[in-house]
């Protein structure tokens, strides 16, 4: 309980500092776009890449990832089922799914976990946010493209989805991080099993 309170206070202080900076004109109108672009295109991808590169994808790690992304799929199934039973329009269903799963997982999730678990918080938060972000972004973009399928063919819609995902800096950094982690793991194993005569 104490950890939750301390973490909530830390997040609220960060929000308060942001509001004060606007009030004192430290950050002016329009600066948030520059900061958001920097965070989205450089800071977050760098953080994800570095942490994922240092991650060993063991059975426990994969289990943790599955547990992290499982609520997204449970929510989608429940939302679709409830909307189907209540006769909710398709447009409203799309809006509910996109607005719910495409949240600020990275911006608020990572600081929250770091404050809650100072020792391993960063790695755990980055690992969860990375794969939640991939799932969230992929599903959101797919739904938005499906919404436009009245005018487009399915193949065109899928191409648009693939094109957007391929240009997403967060997804690119995650994929590169996984590749680098696998290469590092193989290199480490090869070095540890090398013959003493090779030294």
Foldseek 3Di string as FASTA:
>chain_A
DVLLVQLVVVVVVVVVVVVVCDVVVVDDPPNVVVVVCCCQQPVLLVLLLVLLLPDDCDPVLVVLQCVLQVVLVVVLVVLVVVCVVVVPDPVVSLVVSLVPLQDPLPVSVLSSQCSSPVPCSNSSSSSSSLSSNLVNLLVNLLSVLVVVCVPPPPVVSVVVSVVVLVPRSSNVSNVNSNVSNVVVVVVVVCVVPDDPVVD
